[in-house]
Amino acid sequence: MNKVNYDKLMTDFLKEHGGETLLLHSCCAPCSSYCLEEVAPHLKTTVFYYNPNLDSREEYEKRKSEQKRLLSETGLAHFSDCDYLHEEFEEIAKGYEEAKEGGARCERCFRLRLSRTAEKAKEGGYFCFGTTLTVSPLKNAELINRLGYEIAEQYGVKYMPSDFKKRGGYLRSIELSKQYGLYRQNYCGCEYSKTRKIEE
């Protein structure tokens, strides 16, 4: 079976829905840099910083500060966030502490963050929601998009598909991080990703 080309689906989505509003979940400034470069010229974008998976408030605030600085310097999007709600991640990770990196625990984390984004998009009257998570070569874009469509049905708001690492997206995010002097963390964010490598 042929793989779905989520990058093409996103390109088509942007052409079809240009001028609409997007609530874009972002894990950090470096990942959002290229994603915003792609979508902001087409959709009125608000970055939603919701990352209860981060292993400490210090890390949460550091990434949040860099995200806000990037938006301030580029003017590409508005900013919205939640407080540091680590207990929400702890709840969904319970019983999955030993799961391999990229496995069941990560799927539950993706679902948590996408669900909250969809909920906020619905509440805020946004046309659609999406996520920057697919820019990472270590993230399963097929899984993330499947969850996105499923959650969109649940909340009654459109989902913008993506595979931002395509067309050199990840490399471009590294270039933009250097250009803006962004803090680039060397782990996904949770306490488990600090100690375990992705298992292919």
Protein backbone atom coordinates (compact mmCIF):
# COMPACT_ATOMS: atom_id res chain seq x y z
CA MET A 1 0.00 0.00 0.00
CA ASN A 2 1.33 3.42 -0.95
CA LYS A 3 2.11 5.83 1.86
CA VAL A 4 -0.03 8.93 2.12
CA ASN A 5 1.80 12.07 1.03
CA TYR A 6 0.85 14.38 3.89
CA ASP A 7 3.12 17.13 2.60
CA LYS A 8 1.11 17.30 -0.63
CA LEU A 9 -2.13 17.17 1.34
CA MET A 10 -0.93 20.17 3.34
CA THR A 11 0.01 22.08 0.19
CA ASP A 12 -3.44 21.42 -1.25
CA PHE A 13 -5.06 22.36 2.07
CA LEU A 14 -3.24 25.71 2.15
CA LYS A 15 -4.31 26.51 -1.40
CA GLU A 16 -7.91 25.59 -0.74
CA HIS A 17 -8.27 27.36 2.61
CA GLY A 18 -6.01 30.40 2.23
CA GLY A 19 -6.98 33.24 4.55
CA GLU A 20 -8.58 31.00 7.19
CA THR A 21 -7.43 30.79 10.82
CA LEU A 22 -5.09 28.12 12.20
CA LEU A 23 -4.25 27.13 15.77
CA LEU A 24 -0.84 25.51 15.42
CA HIS A 25 0.41 23.41 18.31
CA SER A 26 4.15 23.98 18.80
CA CYS A 27 6.61 21.97 20.86
CA CYS A 28 9.36 24.60 20.64
CA ALA A 29 10.66 27.58 18.68
CA PRO A 30 13.19 25.67 16.52
CA CYS A 31 10.55 23.23 15.27
CA SER A 32 8.00 25.99 14.67
CA SER A 33 10.41 28.18 12.71
CA TYR A 34 10.18 26.34 9.40
CA CYS A 35 6.54 25.35 9.92
CA LEU A 36 5.55 28.99 10.29
CA GLU A 37 7.56 29.91 7.23
CA GLU A 38 5.38 27.44 5.31
CA VAL A 39 1.92 28.12 6.70
CA ALA A 40 1.85 31.73 7.92
CA PRO A 41 1.77 33.25 4.40
CA HIS A 42 -1.46 31.30 3.78
CA LEU A 43 -3.30 31.03 7.10
CA LYS A 44 -3.84 33.52 9.93
CA THR A 45 -1.84 31.59 12.50
CA THR A 46 -1.76 31.47 16.27
CA VAL A 47 0.91 29.32 17.90
CA PHE A 48 -0.45 27.25 20.78
CA TYR A 49 2.27 26.27 23.25
CA TYR A 50 0.90 23.32 25.20
CA ASN A 51 3.60 20.91 26.37
CA PRO A 52 2.83 19.25 29.70
CA ASN A 53 5.31 16.50 28.79
CA LEU A 54 8.31 18.72 29.55
CA ASP A 55 10.27 17.34 32.48
CA SER A 56 10.60 20.57 34.48
CA ARG A 57 9.07 24.03 34.76
CA GLU A 58 12.52 25.46 34.00
CA GLU A 59 12.60 23.67 30.63
CA TYR A 60 9.00 24.65 29.96
CA GLU A 61 9.67 28.34 30.59
CA LYS A 62 12.92 28.32 28.61
CA ARG A 63 11.24 26.89 25.51
CA LYS A 64 8.23 29.15 25.97
CA SER A 65 10.44 32.24 26.17
CA GLU A 66 12.25 31.27 22.97
CA GLN A 67 8.94 30.61 21.23
CA LYS A 68 7.66 34.06 22.15
CA ARG A 69 10.92 35.69 21.09
CA LEU A 70 10.79 34.03 17.67
CA LEU A 71 7.24 35.24 17.11
CA SER A 72 8.16 38.73 18.27
CA GLU A 73 11.11 38.91 15.89
CA THR A 74 9.33 37.42 12.87
CA GLY A 75 5.76 38.63 13.33
CA LEU A 76 4.57 35.41 11.69
CA ALA A 77 1.94 34.45 14.25
CA HIS A 78 0.17 35.31 17.48
CA PHE A 79 0.88 33.40 20.69
CA SER A 80 -1.30 31.43 23.10
CA ASP A 81 -0.43 28.94 25.83
CA CYS A 82 -1.52 27.03 28.90
CA ASP A 83 0.24 26.86 32.23
CA TYR A 84 2.79 24.13 32.88
CA LEU A 85 0.42 21.19 33.49
CA HIS A 86 2.83 18.32 33.96
CA GLU A 87 0.29 16.30 35.94
CA GLU A 88 -1.70 15.88 32.73
CA PHE A 89 1.25 14.15 31.09
CA GLU A 90 1.98 12.09 34.18
CA GLU A 91 -1.60 10.80 34.12
CA ILE A 92 -1.46 9.55 30.53
CA ALA A 93 2.10 8.18 30.95
CA LYS A 94 1.13 6.11 34.01
CA GLY A 95 1.72 2.45 33.25
CA TYR A 96 3.73 3.30 30.13
CA GLU A 97 6.94 4.38 31.83
CA GLU A 98 8.90 1.50 30.30
CA ALA A 99 7.47 1.85 26.79
CA LYS A 100 10.07 2.33 24.08
CA GLU A 101 10.73 5.84 22.83
CA GLY A 102 8.43 6.50 19.90
CA GLY A 103 5.98 3.83 21.11
CA ALA A 104 2.73 3.70 23.07
CA ARG A 105 3.64 6.41 25.59
CA CYS A 106 4.53 8.84 22.82
CA GLU A 107 1.27 8.06 21.02
CA ARG A 108 -0.64 8.92 24.18
CA CYS A 109 1.37 12.14 24.50
CA PHE A 110 0.63 13.12 20.88
CA ARG A 111 -3.06 12.45 21.47
CA LEU A 112 -3.06 14.57 24.64
CA ARG A 113 -1.48 17.59 22.99
CA LEU A 114 -3.49 17.36 19.77
CA SER A 115 -6.74 16.94 21.70
CA ARG A 116 -6.11 20.04 23.79
CA THR A 117 -5.22 21.97 20.63
CA ALA A 118 -8.42 20.87 18.89
CA GLU A 119 -10.44 21.77 21.99
CA LYS A 120 -8.91 25.26 22.08
CA ALA A 121 -9.39 25.68 18.33
CA LYS A 122 -13.07 24.82 18.69
CA GLU A 123 -13.51 27.15 21.67
CA GLY A 124 -11.67 29.98 19.91
CA GLY A 125 -13.55 29.68 16.63
CA TYR A 126 -10.48 28.72 14.60
CA PHE A 127 -11.05 27.17 11.20
CA CYS A 128 -8.46 24.45 11.75
CA PHE A 129 -5.70 23.11 13.95
CA GLY A 130 -2.34 21.46 13.27
CA THR A 131 1.00 20.66 14.87
CA THR A 132 4.72 21.22 14.33
CA LEU A 133 5.53 17.71 15.59
CA THR A 134 5.90 16.29 12.07
CA VAL A 135 9.03 18.36 11.38
CA SER A 136 11.15 15.97 13.44
CA PRO A 137 12.69 12.98 11.62
CA LEU A 138 12.21 11.06 14.89
CA LYS A 139 8.43 11.54 14.93
CA ASN A 140 6.00 9.24 13.11
CA ALA A 141 4.11 11.57 10.77
CA GLU A 142 1.71 8.81 9.73
CA LEU A 143 0.66 8.30 13.36
CA ILE A 144 0.44 12.01 14.14
CA ASN A 145 -1.75 12.69 11.11
CA ARG A 146 -4.00 9.70 11.82
CA LEU A 147 -4.53 11.01 15.34
CA GLY A 148 -5.11 14.52 14.00
CA TYR A 149 -7.92 13.43 11.69
CA GLU A 150 -9.48 11.27 14.41
CA ILE A 151 -9.43 14.11 16.93
CA ALA A 152 -10.80 16.56 14.34
CA GLU A 153 -13.85 14.33 13.97
CA GLN A 154 -14.25 14.21 17.72
CA TYR A 155 -14.16 17.98 18.21
CA GLY A 156 -15.79 19.09 14.98
CA VAL A 157 -12.93 21.25 13.74
CA LYS A 158 -10.77 20.78 10.63
CA TYR A 159 -7.28 19.32 10.87
CA MET A 160 -4.41 20.57 8.72
CA PRO A 161 -2.30 17.56 7.69
CA SER A 162 1.48 17.91 7.47
CA ASP A 163 4.82 16.24 7.11
CA PHE A 164 7.01 19.26 7.68
CA LYS A 165 10.29 17.34 7.46
CA LYS A 166 9.72 16.85 3.72
CA ARG A 167 11.40 19.16 1.18
CA GLY A 168 14.28 19.75 3.57
CA GLY A 169 12.04 21.12 6.31
CA TYR A 170 14.05 19.77 9.22
CA LEU A 171 17.33 21.10 7.80
CA ARG A 172 15.68 24.47 7.19
CA SER A 173 14.57 24.55 10.85
CA ILE A 174 18.22 24.09 11.87
CA GLU A 175 19.25 26.97 9.60
CA LEU A 176 16.55 29.22 11.04
CA SER A 177 17.52 28.26 14.59
CA LYS A 178 21.06 29.42 13.86
CA GLN A 179 19.80 32.58 12.18
CA TYR A 180 17.73 33.58 15.21
CA GLY A 181 20.09 32.13 17.82
CA LEU A 182 17.40 29.81 19.18
CA TYR A 183 17.93 27.41 22.05
CA ARG A 184 17.82 23.89 20.59
CA GLN A 185 17.25 21.17 23.18
CA ASN A 186 18.83 17.75 22.64
CA TYR A 187 15.82 15.69 23.77
CA CYS A 188 12.11 15.67 23.02
CA GLY A 189 11.07 16.93 26.42
CA CYS A 190 9.89 14.29 28.87
CA GLU A 191 12.02 12.60 31.49
CA TYR A 192 11.97 9.36 29.50
CA SER A 193 13.28 10.89 26.27
CA LYS A 194 16.36 12.09 28.13
CA THR A 195 17.54 8.58 28.81
CA ARG A 196 16.29 6.47 25.92
CA LYS A 197 17.05 6.52 22.23
CA ILE A 198 14.44 6.08 19.56
CA GLU A 199 14.07 2.41 18.69
CA GLU A 200 13.60 1.94 14.98
